[in-house]
PDB file of N, CA and C in Angstrom:
ATOM      1  N   MET A   1       0.705 -22.569   6.489  1.00  0.00           N
ATOM      2  CA  MET A   1      -0.104 -21.571   5.837  1.00  0.00           C
ATOM      3  C   MET A   1       0.786 -20.710   4.938  1.00  0.00           C
ATOM      4  N   SER A   2       0.334 -20.426   3.737  1.00  0.00           N
ATOM      5  CA  SER A   2       1.136 -19.637   2.802  1.00  0.00           C
ATOM      6  C   SER A   2       1.053 -18.151   3.133  1.00  0.00           C
ATOM      7  N   LYS A   3       2.083 -17.445   2.731  1.00  0.00           N
ATOM      8  CA  LYS A   3       2.138 -16.002   2.974  1.00  0.00           C
ATOM      9  C   LYS A   3       1.275 -15.278   1.946  1.00  0.00           C
ATOM     10  N   PRO A   4       0.721 -14.131   2.325  1.00  0.00           N
ATOM     11  CA  PRO A   4      -0.042 -13.358   1.346  1.00  0.00           C
ATOM     12  C   PRO A   4       0.884 -12.828   0.246  1.00  0.00           C
ATOM     13  N   VAL A   5       0.345 -12.743  -0.948  1.00  0.00           N
ATOM     14  CA  VAL A   5       1.089 -12.254  -2.103  1.00  0.00           C
ATOM     15  C   VAL A   5       0.558 -10.871  -2.467  1.00  0.00           C
ATOM     16  N   VAL A   6       1.481  -9.968  -2.773  1.00  0.00           N
ATOM     17  CA  VAL A   6       1.105  -8.623  -3.195  1.00  0.00           C
ATOM     18  C   VAL A   6       1.566  -8.439  -4.635  1.00  0.00           C
ATOM     19  N   ARG A   7       0.619  -8.008  -5.462  1.00  0.00           N
ATOM     20  CA  ARG A   7       0.913  -7.695  -6.860  1.00  0.00           C
ATOM     21  C   ARG A   7       0.857  -6.179  -7.011  1.00  0.00           C
ATOM     22  N   PHE A   8       1.999  -5.599  -7.335  1.00  0.00           N
ATOM     23  CA  PHE A   8       2.077  -4.161  -7.564  1.00  0.00           C
ATOM     24  C   PHE A   8       1.942  -3.890  -9.055  1.00  0.00           C
ATOM     25  N   ARG A   9       1.220  -2.822  -9.390  1.00  0.00           N
ATOM     26  CA  ARG A   9       1.082  -2.398 -10.783  1.00  0.00           C
ATOM     27  C   ARG A   9       0.990  -0.884 -10.824  1.00  0.00           C
ATOM     28  N   ARG A  10       1.212  -0.329 -12.003  1.00  0.00           N
ATOM     29  CA  ARG A  10       0.940   1.093 -12.256  1.00  0.00           C
ATOM     30  C   ARG A  10      -0.029   1.104 -13.418  1.00  0.00           C
ATOM     31  N   ALA A  11      -1.285   1.435 -13.103  1.00  0.00           N
ATOM     32  CA  ALA A  11      -2.397   1.300 -14.054  1.00  0.00           C
ATOM     33  C   ALA A  11      -2.451  -0.166 -14.483  1.00  0.00           C
ATOM     34  N   ALA A  12      -2.324  -0.474 -15.771  1.00  0.00           N
ATOM     35  CA  ALA A  12      -2.398  -1.863 -16.241  1.00  0.00           C
ATOM     36  C   ALA A  12      -1.027  -2.526 -16.331  1.00  0.00           C
ATOM     37  N   LEU A  13       0.051  -1.800 -16.061  1.00  0.00           N
ATOM     38  CA  LEU A  13       1.410  -2.324 -16.186  1.00  0.00           C
ATOM     39  C   LEU A  13       1.842  -3.053 -14.910  1.00  0.00           C
ATOM     40  N   PRO A  14       2.068  -4.371 -14.975  1.00  0.00           N
ATOM     41  CA  PRO A  14       2.562  -5.099 -13.800  1.00  0.00           C
ATOM     42  C   PRO A  14       3.974  -4.637 -13.443  1.00  0.00           C
ATOM     43  N   LEU A  15       4.222  -4.421 -12.147  1.00  0.00           N
ATOM     44  CA  LEU A  15       5.538  -3.985 -11.683  1.00  0.00           C
ATOM     45  C   LEU A  15       6.285  -5.084 -10.944  1.00  0.00           C
ATOM     46  N   ALA A  16       5.609  -5.777 -10.030  1.00  0.00           N
ATOM     47  CA  ALA A  16       6.263  -6.811  -9.225  1.00  0.00           C
ATOM     48  C   ALA A  16       5.222  -7.624  -8.475  1.00  0.00           C
ATOM     49  N   THR A  17       5.593  -8.854  -8.172  1.00  0.00           N
ATOM     50  CA  THR A  17       4.796  -9.728  -7.308  1.00  0.00           C
ATOM     51  C   THR A  17       5.728 -10.233  -6.219  1.00  0.00           C
ATOM     52  N   ILE A  18       5.289 -10.123  -4.963  1.00  0.00           N
ATOM     53  CA  ILE A  18       6.153 -10.468  -3.843  1.00  0.00           C
ATOM     54  C   ILE A  18       5.320 -11.017  -2.687  1.00  0.00           C
ATOM     55  N   GLU A  19       5.912 -11.940  -1.919  1.00  0.00           N
ATOM     56  CA  GLU A  19       5.249 -12.468  -0.715  1.00  0.00           C
ATOM     57  C   GLU A  19       5.498 -11.525   0.450  1.00  0.00           C
ATOM     58  N   ALA A  20       4.459 -11.276   1.229  1.00  0.00           N
ATOM     59  CA  ALA A  20       4.555 -10.389   2.385  1.00  0.00           C
ATOM     60  C   ALA A  20       4.969 -11.167   3.628  1.00  0.00           C
ATOM     61  N   GLU A  21       5.818 -10.559   4.413  1.00  0.00           N
ATOM     62  CA  GLU A  21       6.192 -11.101   5.715  1.00  0.00           C
ATOM     63  C   GLU A  21       5.229 -10.550   6.762  1.00  0.00           C
ATOM     64  N   ILE A  22       5.156 -11.190   7.905  1.00  0.00           N
ATOM     65  CA  ILE A  22       4.283 -10.738   8.989  1.00  0.00           C
ATOM     66  C   ILE A  22       4.673  -9.328   9.408  1.00  0.00           C
ATOM     67  N   ASP A  23       3.674  -8.454   9.530  1.00  0.00           N
ATOM     68  CA  ASP A  23       3.842  -7.065   9.975  1.00  0.00           C
ATOM     69  C   ASP A  23       4.700  -6.203   9.052  1.00  0.00           C
ATOM     70  N   GLU A  24       4.900  -6.612   7.812  1.00  0.00           N
ATOM     71  CA  GLU A  24       5.650  -5.798   6.853  1.00  0.00           C
ATOM     72  C   GLU A  24       4.699  -4.791   6.207  1.00  0.00           C
ATOM     73  N   THR A  25       5.092  -3.533   6.162  1.00  0.00           N
ATOM     74  CA  THR A  25       4.242  -2.521   5.538  1.00  0.00           C
ATOM     75  C   THR A  25       4.319  -2.639   4.015  1.00  0.00           C
ATOM     76  N   LEU A  26       3.322  -2.086   3.354  1.00  0.00           N
ATOM     77  CA  LEU A  26       3.358  -2.049   1.892  1.00  0.00           C
ATOM     78  C   LEU A  26       4.559  -1.264   1.391  1.00  0.00           C
ATOM     79  N   LEU A  27       4.927  -0.207   2.092  1.00  0.00           N
ATOM     80  CA  LEU A  27       6.087   0.582   1.706  1.00  0.00           C
ATOM     81  C   LEU A  27       7.352  -0.274   1.753  1.00  0.00           C
ATOM     82  N   ASP A  28       7.525  -1.040   2.830  1.00  0.00           N
ATOM     83  CA  ASP A  28       8.680  -1.933   2.937  1.00  0.00           C
ATOM     84  C   ASP A  28       8.651  -2.994   1.838  1.00  0.00           C
ATOM     85  N   LEU A  29       7.472  -3.548   1.576  1.00  0.00           N
ATOM     86  CA  LEU A  29       7.328  -4.540   0.506  1.00  0.00           C
ATOM     87  C   LEU A  29       7.707  -3.950  -0.848  1.00  0.00           C
ATOM     88  N   ALA A  30       7.213  -2.751  -1.133  1.00  0.00           N
ATOM     89  CA  ALA A  30       7.523  -2.106  -2.411  1.00  0.00           C
ATOM     90  C   ALA A  30       9.030  -1.908  -2.553  1.00  0.00           C
ATOM     91  N   HIS A  31       9.670  -1.419  -1.510  1.00  0.00           N
ATOM     92  CA  HIS A  31      11.126  -1.221  -1.565  1.00  0.00           C
ATOM     93  C   HIS A  31      11.845  -2.547  -1.756  1.00  0.00           C
ATOM     94  N   ARG A  32      11.398  -3.584  -1.059  1.00  0.00           N
ATOM     95  CA  ARG A  32      12.023  -4.913  -1.207  1.00  0.00           C
ATOM     96  C   ARG A  32      11.848  -5.451  -2.622  1.00  0.00           C
ATOM     97  N   ALA A  33      10.737  -5.065  -3.277  1.00  0.00           N
ATOM     98  CA  ALA A  33      10.466  -5.509  -4.651  1.00  0.00           C
ATOM     99  C   ALA A  33      11.166  -4.622  -5.682  1.00  0.00           C
ATOM    100  N   GLY A  34      11.899  -3.597  -5.224  1.00  0.00           N
ATOM    101  CA  GLY A  34      12.621  -2.726  -6.140  1.00  0.00           C
ATOM    102  C   GLY A  34      11.791  -1.587  -6.703  1.00  0.00           C
ATOM    103  N   ILE A  35      10.669  -1.287  -6.067  1.00  0.00           N
ATOM    104  CA  ILE A  35       9.795  -0.209  -6.520  1.00  0.00           C
ATOM    105  C   ILE A  35      10.071   1.025  -5.663  1.00  0.00           C
ATOM    106  N   SER A  36      10.431   2.111  -6.315  1.00  0.00           N
ATOM    107  CA  SER A  36      10.703   3.356  -5.608  1.00  0.00           C
ATOM    108  C   SER A  36       9.393   4.070  -5.304  1.00  0.00           C
ATOM    109  N   VAL A  37       9.170   4.330  -4.033  1.00  0.00           N
ATOM    110  CA  VAL A  37       7.957   5.025  -3.590  1.00  0.00           C
ATOM    111  C   VAL A  37       8.392   6.187  -2.709  1.00  0.00           C
ATOM    112  N   PRO A  38       7.955   7.397  -3.042  1.00  0.00           N
ATOM    113  CA  PRO A  38       8.315   8.524  -2.182  1.00  0.00           C
ATOM    114  C   PRO A  38       7.653   8.388  -0.818  1.00  0.00           C
ATOM    115  N   SER A  39       8.380   8.769   0.218  1.00  0.00           N
ATOM    116  CA  SER A  39       7.807   8.757   1.564  1.00  0.00           C
ATOM    117  C   SER A  39       8.612   9.699   2.443  1.00  0.00           C
ATOM    118  N   ASN A  40       7.954  10.240   3.437  1.00  0.00           N
ATOM    119  CA  ASN A  40       8.610  11.165   4.355  1.00  0.00           C
ATOM    120  C   ASN A  40       8.612  10.671   5.792  1.00  0.00           C
ATOM    121  N   CYS A  41       7.843   9.630   6.069  1.00  0.00           N
ATOM    122  CA  CYS A  41       7.733   9.178   7.449  1.00  0.00           C
ATOM    123  C   CYS A  41       7.177   7.758   7.479  1.00  0.00           C
ATOM    124  N   LYS A  42       6.806   7.319   8.623  1.00  0.00           N
ATOM    125  CA  LYS A  42       6.091   6.054   8.791  1.00  0.00           C
ATOM    126  C   LYS A  42       5.014   6.234   9.841  1.00  0.00           C
ATOM    127  N   SER A  43       4.387   7.408   9.830  1.00  0.00           N
ATOM    128  CA  SER A  43       3.362   7.694  10.830  1.00  0.00           C
ATOM    129  C   SER A  43       1.968   7.836  10.244  1.00  0.00           C
ATOM    130  N   GLY A  44       1.861   7.856   8.889  1.00  0.00           N
ATOM    131  CA  GLY A  44       0.547   7.951   8.270  1.00  0.00           C
ATOM    132  C   GLY A  44      -0.074   9.323   8.315  1.00  0.00           C
ATOM    133  N   THR A  45       0.764  10.363   8.326  1.00  0.00           N
ATOM    134  CA  THR A  45       0.199  11.704   8.431  1.00  0.00           C
ATOM    135  C   THR A  45       0.343  12.563   7.182  1.00  0.00           C
ATOM    136  N   CYS A  46       1.225  12.230   6.242  1.00  0.00           N
ATOM    137  CA  CYS A  46       1.464  13.173   5.143  1.00  0.00           C
ATOM    138  C   CYS A  46       0.776  12.788   3.836  1.00  0.00           C
ATOM    139  N   GLY A  47       0.691  11.530   3.500  1.00  0.00           N
ATOM    140  CA  GLY A  47       0.044  11.108   2.264  1.00  0.00           C
ATOM    141  C   GLY A  47       0.981  10.939   1.086  1.00  0.00           C
ATOM    142  N   THR A  48       2.276  11.185   1.252  1.00  0.00           N
ATOM    143  CA  THR A  48       3.232  11.079   0.155  1.00  0.00           C
ATOM    144  C   THR A  48       3.285   9.676  -0.448  1.00  0.00           C
ATOM    145  N   CYS A  49       3.141   8.659   0.366  1.00  0.00           N
ATOM    146  CA  CYS A  49       3.288   7.274  -0.083  1.00  0.00           C
ATOM    147  C   CYS A  49       1.952   6.636  -0.483  1.00  0.00           C
ATOM    148  N   MET A  50       0.995   7.462  -0.855  1.00  0.00           N
ATOM    149  CA  MET A  50      -0.334   6.969  -1.181  1.00  0.00           C
ATOM    150  C   MET A  50      -0.315   5.992  -2.352  1.00  0.00           C
ATOM    151  N   MET A  51      -1.094   4.932  -2.214  1.00  0.00           N
ATOM    152  CA  MET A  51      -1.311   3.946  -3.265  1.00  0.00           C
ATOM    153  C   MET A  51      -2.804   3.659  -3.308  1.00  0.00           C
ATOM    154  N   ARG A  52      -3.222   2.825  -4.254  1.00  0.00           N
ATOM    155  CA  ARG A  52      -4.640   2.465  -4.356  1.00  0.00           C
ATOM    156  C   ARG A  52      -4.773   0.956  -4.184  1.00  0.00           C
ATOM    157  N   LEU A  53      -5.622   0.556  -3.245  1.00  0.00           N
ATOM    158  CA  LEU A  53      -5.938  -0.852  -3.040  1.00  0.00           C
ATOM    159  C   LEU A  53      -6.961  -1.262  -4.093  1.00  0.00           C
ATOM    160  N   VAL A  54      -6.558  -2.181  -4.984  1.00  0.00           N
ATOM    161  CA  VAL A  54      -7.444  -2.660  -6.043  1.00  0.00           C
ATOM    162  C   VAL A  54      -8.260  -3.838  -5.535  1.00  0.00           C
ATOM    163  N   SER A  55      -7.575  -4.761  -4.826  1.00  0.00           N
ATOM    164  CA  SER A  55      -8.256  -5.911  -4.231  1.00  0.00           C
ATOM    165  C   SER A  55      -7.453  -6.388  -3.036  1.00  0.00           C
ATOM    166  N   GLY A  56      -8.110  -7.115  -2.141  1.00  0.00           N
ATOM    167  CA  GLY A  56      -7.444  -7.629  -0.953  1.00  0.00           C
ATOM    168  C   GLY A  56      -7.838  -6.842   0.280  1.00  0.00           C
ATOM    169  N   LYS A  57      -7.049  -7.012   1.339  1.00  0.00           N
ATOM    170  CA  LYS A  57      -7.372  -6.360   2.606  1.00  0.00           C
ATOM    171  C   LYS A  57      -6.093  -6.030   3.358  1.00  0.00           C
ATOM    172  N   LEU A  58      -6.117  -4.865   4.000  1.00  0.00           N
ATOM    173  CA  LEU A  58      -4.994  -4.387   4.802  1.00  0.00           C
ATOM    174  C   LEU A  58      -5.465  -4.064   6.205  1.00  0.00           C
ATOM    175  N   VAL A  59      -4.532  -3.991   7.130  1.00  0.00           N
ATOM    176  CA  VAL A  59      -4.810  -3.491   8.477  1.00  0.00           C
ATOM    177  C   VAL A  59      -3.921  -2.282   8.719  1.00  0.00           C
ATOM    178  N   GLY A  60      -4.250  -1.516   9.750  1.00  0.00           N
ATOM    179  CA  GLY A  60      -3.452  -0.362  10.125  1.00  0.00           C
ATOM    180  C   GLY A  60      -3.990   0.945   9.583  1.00  0.00           C
ATOM    181  N   LEU A  61      -5.150   0.903   8.938  1.00  0.00           N
ATOM    182  CA  LEU A  61      -5.702   2.111   8.327  1.00  0.00           C
ATOM    183  C   LEU A  61      -7.026   2.526   8.958  1.00  0.00           C
ATOM    184  N   ASP A  62      -7.336   1.988  10.127  1.00  0.00           N
ATOM    185  CA  ASP A  62      -8.589   2.306  10.781  1.00  0.00           C
ATOM    186  C   ASP A  62      -8.273   2.746  12.213  1.00  0.00           C
ATOM    187  N   PRO A  63      -8.622   3.925  12.606  1.00  0.00           N
ATOM    188  CA  PRO A  63      -9.432   4.903  11.882  1.00  0.00           C
ATOM    189  C   PRO A  63      -8.642   5.514  10.724  1.00  0.00           C
ATOM    190  N   THR A  64      -9.330   6.266   9.879  1.00  0.00           N
ATOM    191  CA  THR A  64      -8.690   6.892   8.731  1.00  0.00           C
ATOM    192  C   THR A  64      -7.527   7.762   9.209  1.00  0.00           C
ATOM    193  N   PRO A  65      -6.324   7.490   8.685  1.00  0.00           N
ATOM    194  CA  PRO A  65      -5.164   8.284   9.119  1.00  0.00           C
ATOM    195  C   PRO A  65      -5.280   9.740   8.674  1.00  0.00           C
ATOM    196  N   PRO A  66      -4.608  10.654   9.380  1.00  0.00           N
ATOM    197  CA  PRO A  66      -4.677  12.074   9.047  1.00  0.00           C
ATOM    198  C   PRO A  66      -4.227  12.406   7.621  1.00  0.00           C
ATOM    199  N   GLY A  67      -3.420  11.562   6.986  1.00  0.00           N
ATOM    200  CA  GLY A  67      -2.940  11.818   5.632  1.00  0.00           C
ATOM    201  C   GLY A  67      -3.967  11.539   4.553  1.00  0.00           C
ATOM    202  N   LEU A  68      -5.144  11.024   4.931  1.00  0.00           N
ATOM    203  CA  LEU A  68      -6.199  10.687   3.969  1.00  0.00           C
ATOM    204  C   LEU A  68      -7.504  11.353   4.374  1.00  0.00           C
ATOM    205  N   ASP A  69      -8.433  11.443   3.428  1.00  0.00           N
ATOM    206  CA  ASP A  69      -9.779  11.854   3.787  1.00  0.00           C
ATOM    207  C   ASP A  69     -10.766  10.832   3.237  1.00  0.00           C
ATOM    208  N   GLU A  70     -11.981  10.886   3.721  1.00  0.00           N
ATOM    209  CA  GLU A  70     -12.977   9.856   3.392  1.00  0.00           C
ATOM    210  C   GLU A  70     -13.260   9.741   1.896  1.00  0.00           C
ATOM    211  N   ASP A  71     -13.206  10.840   1.159  1.00  0.00           N
ATOM    212  CA  ASP A  71     -13.494  10.806  -0.278  1.00  0.00           C
ATOM    213  C   ASP A  71     -12.475   9.965  -1.037  1.00  0.00           C
ATOM    214  N   ILE A  72     -11.183  10.166  -0.759  1.00  0.00           N
ATOM    215  CA  ILE A  72     -10.183   9.381  -1.493  1.00  0.00           C
ATOM    216  C   ILE A  72     -10.087   7.957  -0.966  1.00  0.00           C
ATOM    217  N   VAL A  73     -10.421   7.748   0.303  1.00  0.00           N
ATOM    218  CA  VAL A  73     -10.463   6.383   0.841  1.00  0.00           C
ATOM    219  C   VAL A  73     -11.555   5.585   0.130  1.00  0.00           C
ATOM    220  N   ALA A  74     -12.678   6.229  -0.174  1.00  0.00           N
ATOM    221  CA  ALA A  74     -13.766   5.567  -0.894  1.00  0.00           C
ATOM    222  C   ALA A  74     -13.312   5.112  -2.284  1.00  0.00           C
ATOM    223  N   ASP A  75     -12.301   5.786  -2.845  1.00  0.00           N
ATOM    224  CA  ASP A  75     -11.741   5.407  -4.143  1.00  0.00           C
ATOM    225  C   ASP A  75     -10.600   4.405  -4.009  1.00  0.00           C
ATOM    226  N   GLY A  76     -10.341   3.916  -2.783  1.00  0.00           N
ATOM    227  CA  GLY A  76      -9.316   2.895  -2.567  1.00  0.00           C
ATOM    228  C   GLY A  76      -7.982   3.411  -2.098  1.00  0.00           C
ATOM    229  N   ALA A  77      -7.863   4.704  -1.789  1.00  0.00           N
ATOM    230  CA  ALA A  77      -6.590   5.271  -1.352  1.00  0.00           C
ATOM    231  C   ALA A  77      -6.141   4.649  -0.032  1.00  0.00           C
ATOM    232  N   ILE A  78      -4.849   4.342   0.032  1.00  0.00           N
ATOM    233  CA  ILE A  78      -4.228   3.789   1.240  1.00  0.00           C
ATOM    234  C   ILE A  78      -2.874   4.456   1.429  1.00  0.00           C
ATOM    235  N   LEU A  79      -2.361   4.432   2.630  1.00  0.00           N
ATOM    236  CA  LEU A  79      -1.006   4.902   2.893  1.00  0.00           C
ATOM    237  C   LEU A  79      -0.119   3.682   3.073  1.00  0.00           C
ATOM    238  N   SER A  80       0.852   3.547   2.192  1.00  0.00           N
ATOM    239  CA  SER A  80       1.693   2.348   2.206  1.00  0.00           C
ATOM    240  C   SER A  80       2.625   2.295   3.412  1.00  0.00           C
ATOM    241  N   CYS A  81       2.871   3.435   4.058  1.00  0.00           N
ATOM    242  CA  CYS A  81       3.786   3.446   5.203  1.00  0.00           C
ATOM    243  C   CYS A  81       3.203   2.770   6.438  1.00  0.00           C
ATOM    244  N   ILE A  82       1.863   2.673   6.506  1.00  0.00           N
ATOM    245  CA  ILE A  82       1.247   2.068   7.685  1.00  0.00           C
ATOM    246  C   ILE A  82       0.346   0.883   7.353  1.00  0.00           C
ATOM    247  N   GLY A  83       0.020   0.681   6.068  1.00  0.00           N
ATOM    248  CA  GLY A  83      -0.826  -0.441   5.670  1.00  0.00           C
ATOM    249  C   GLY A  83      -0.064  -1.755   5.702  1.00  0.00           C
ATOM    250  N   ARG A  84      -0.659  -2.756   6.344  1.00  0.00           N
ATOM    251  CA  ARG A  84      -0.048  -4.088   6.432  1.00  0.00           C
ATOM    252  C   ARG A  84      -0.999  -5.106   5.811  1.00  0.00           C
ATOM    253  N   VAL A  85      -0.435  -6.001   5.026  1.00  0.00           N
ATOM    254  CA  VAL A  85      -1.210  -6.992   4.279  1.00  0.00           C
ATOM    255  C   VAL A  85      -1.668  -8.112   5.200  1.00  0.00           C
ATOM    256  N   ILE A  86      -2.956  -8.504   5.090  1.00  0.00           N
ATOM    257  CA  ILE A  86      -3.415  -9.673   5.834  1.00  0.00           C
ATOM    258  C   ILE A  86      -3.897 -10.781   4.904  1.00  0.00           C
ATOM    259  N   ILE A  87      -4.301 -10.407   3.688  1.00  0.00           N
ATOM    260  CA  ILE A  87      -4.585 -11.390   2.649  1.00  0.00           C
ATOM    261  C   ILE A  87      -3.981 -10.862   1.356  1.00  0.00           C
ATOM    262  N   SER A  88      -3.837 -11.728   0.364  1.00  0.00           N
ATOM    263  CA  SER A  88      -3.238 -11.311  -0.903  1.00  0.00           C
ATOM    264  C   SER A  88      -3.943 -10.080  -1.454  1.00  0.00           C
ATOM    265  N   CYS A  89      -3.151  -9.193  -2.065  1.00  0.00           N
ATOM    266  CA  CYS A  89      -3.648  -7.899  -2.524  1.00  0.00           C
ATOM    267  C   CYS A  89      -3.099  -7.561  -3.901  1.00  0.00           C
ATOM    268  N   GLU A  90      -3.839  -6.688  -4.558  1.00  0.00           N
ATOM    269  CA  GLU A  90      -3.349  -6.046  -5.764  1.00  0.00           C
ATOM    270  C   GLU A  90      -3.340  -4.551  -5.475  1.00  0.00           C
ATOM    271  N   ILE A  91      -2.203  -3.917  -5.756  1.00  0.00           N
ATOM    272  CA  ILE A  91      -1.979  -2.519  -5.404  1.00  0.00           C
ATOM    273  C   ILE A  91      -1.592  -1.736  -6.640  1.00  0.00           C
ATOM    274  N   ASP A  92      -2.269  -0.605  -6.858  1.00  0.00           N
ATOM    275  CA  ASP A  92      -1.894   0.309  -7.928  1.00  0.00           C
ATOM    276  C   ASP A  92      -0.987   1.372  -7.324  1.00  0.00           C
ATOM    277  N   VAL A  93       0.259   1.414  -7.807  1.00  0.00           N
ATOM    278  CA  VAL A  93       1.237   2.389  -7.333  1.00  0.00           C
ATOM    279  C   VAL A  93       0.999   3.669  -8.129  1.00  0.00           C
ATOM    280  N   ILE A  94       0.081   4.461  -7.630  1.00  0.00           N
ATOM    281  CA  ILE A  94      -0.317   5.682  -8.341  1.00  0.00           C
ATOM    282  C   ILE A  94       0.744   6.751  -8.140  1.00  0.00           C
ATOM    283  N   PRO A  95       0.877   7.663  -9.092  1.00  0.00           N
ATOM    284  CA  PRO A  95       1.820   8.766  -8.866  1.00  0.00           C
ATOM    285  C   PRO A  95       1.357   9.602  -7.679  1.00  0.00           C
ATOM    286  N   PRO A  96       2.290  10.178  -6.938  1.00  0.00           N
ATOM    287  CA  PRO A  96       1.896  11.051  -5.819  1.00  0.00           C
ATOM    288  C   PRO A  96       1.011  12.181  -6.307  1.00  0.00           C
ATOM    289  N   LEU A  97       0.039  12.547  -5.500  1.00  0.00           N
ATOM    290  CA  LEU A  97      -0.873  13.632  -5.869  1.00  0.00           C
ATOM    291  C   LEU A  97      -0.286  14.988  -5.507  1.00  0.00           C
TER     292      LEU A  97
END
């Protein structure tokens, strides 16, 4: 079985495409792909490492972590420090809010 592929972008600008390893967080994937993402922890409580899920599916974000609220989750907000890829995804590396 092939590994899921993650395509990182900032708006319409492609940044990197990388295969995800089992249980690798999006934050770890971004760093491995050479993308600098601010982060303060790996507990899902602050929101510093927020990204936007454009397509695909992640695990580790249910229930909604304390660093997010339902309104921004409805717009695709995810925390890269705890989100793990289960199928290929496209991720918008949005600037920190």
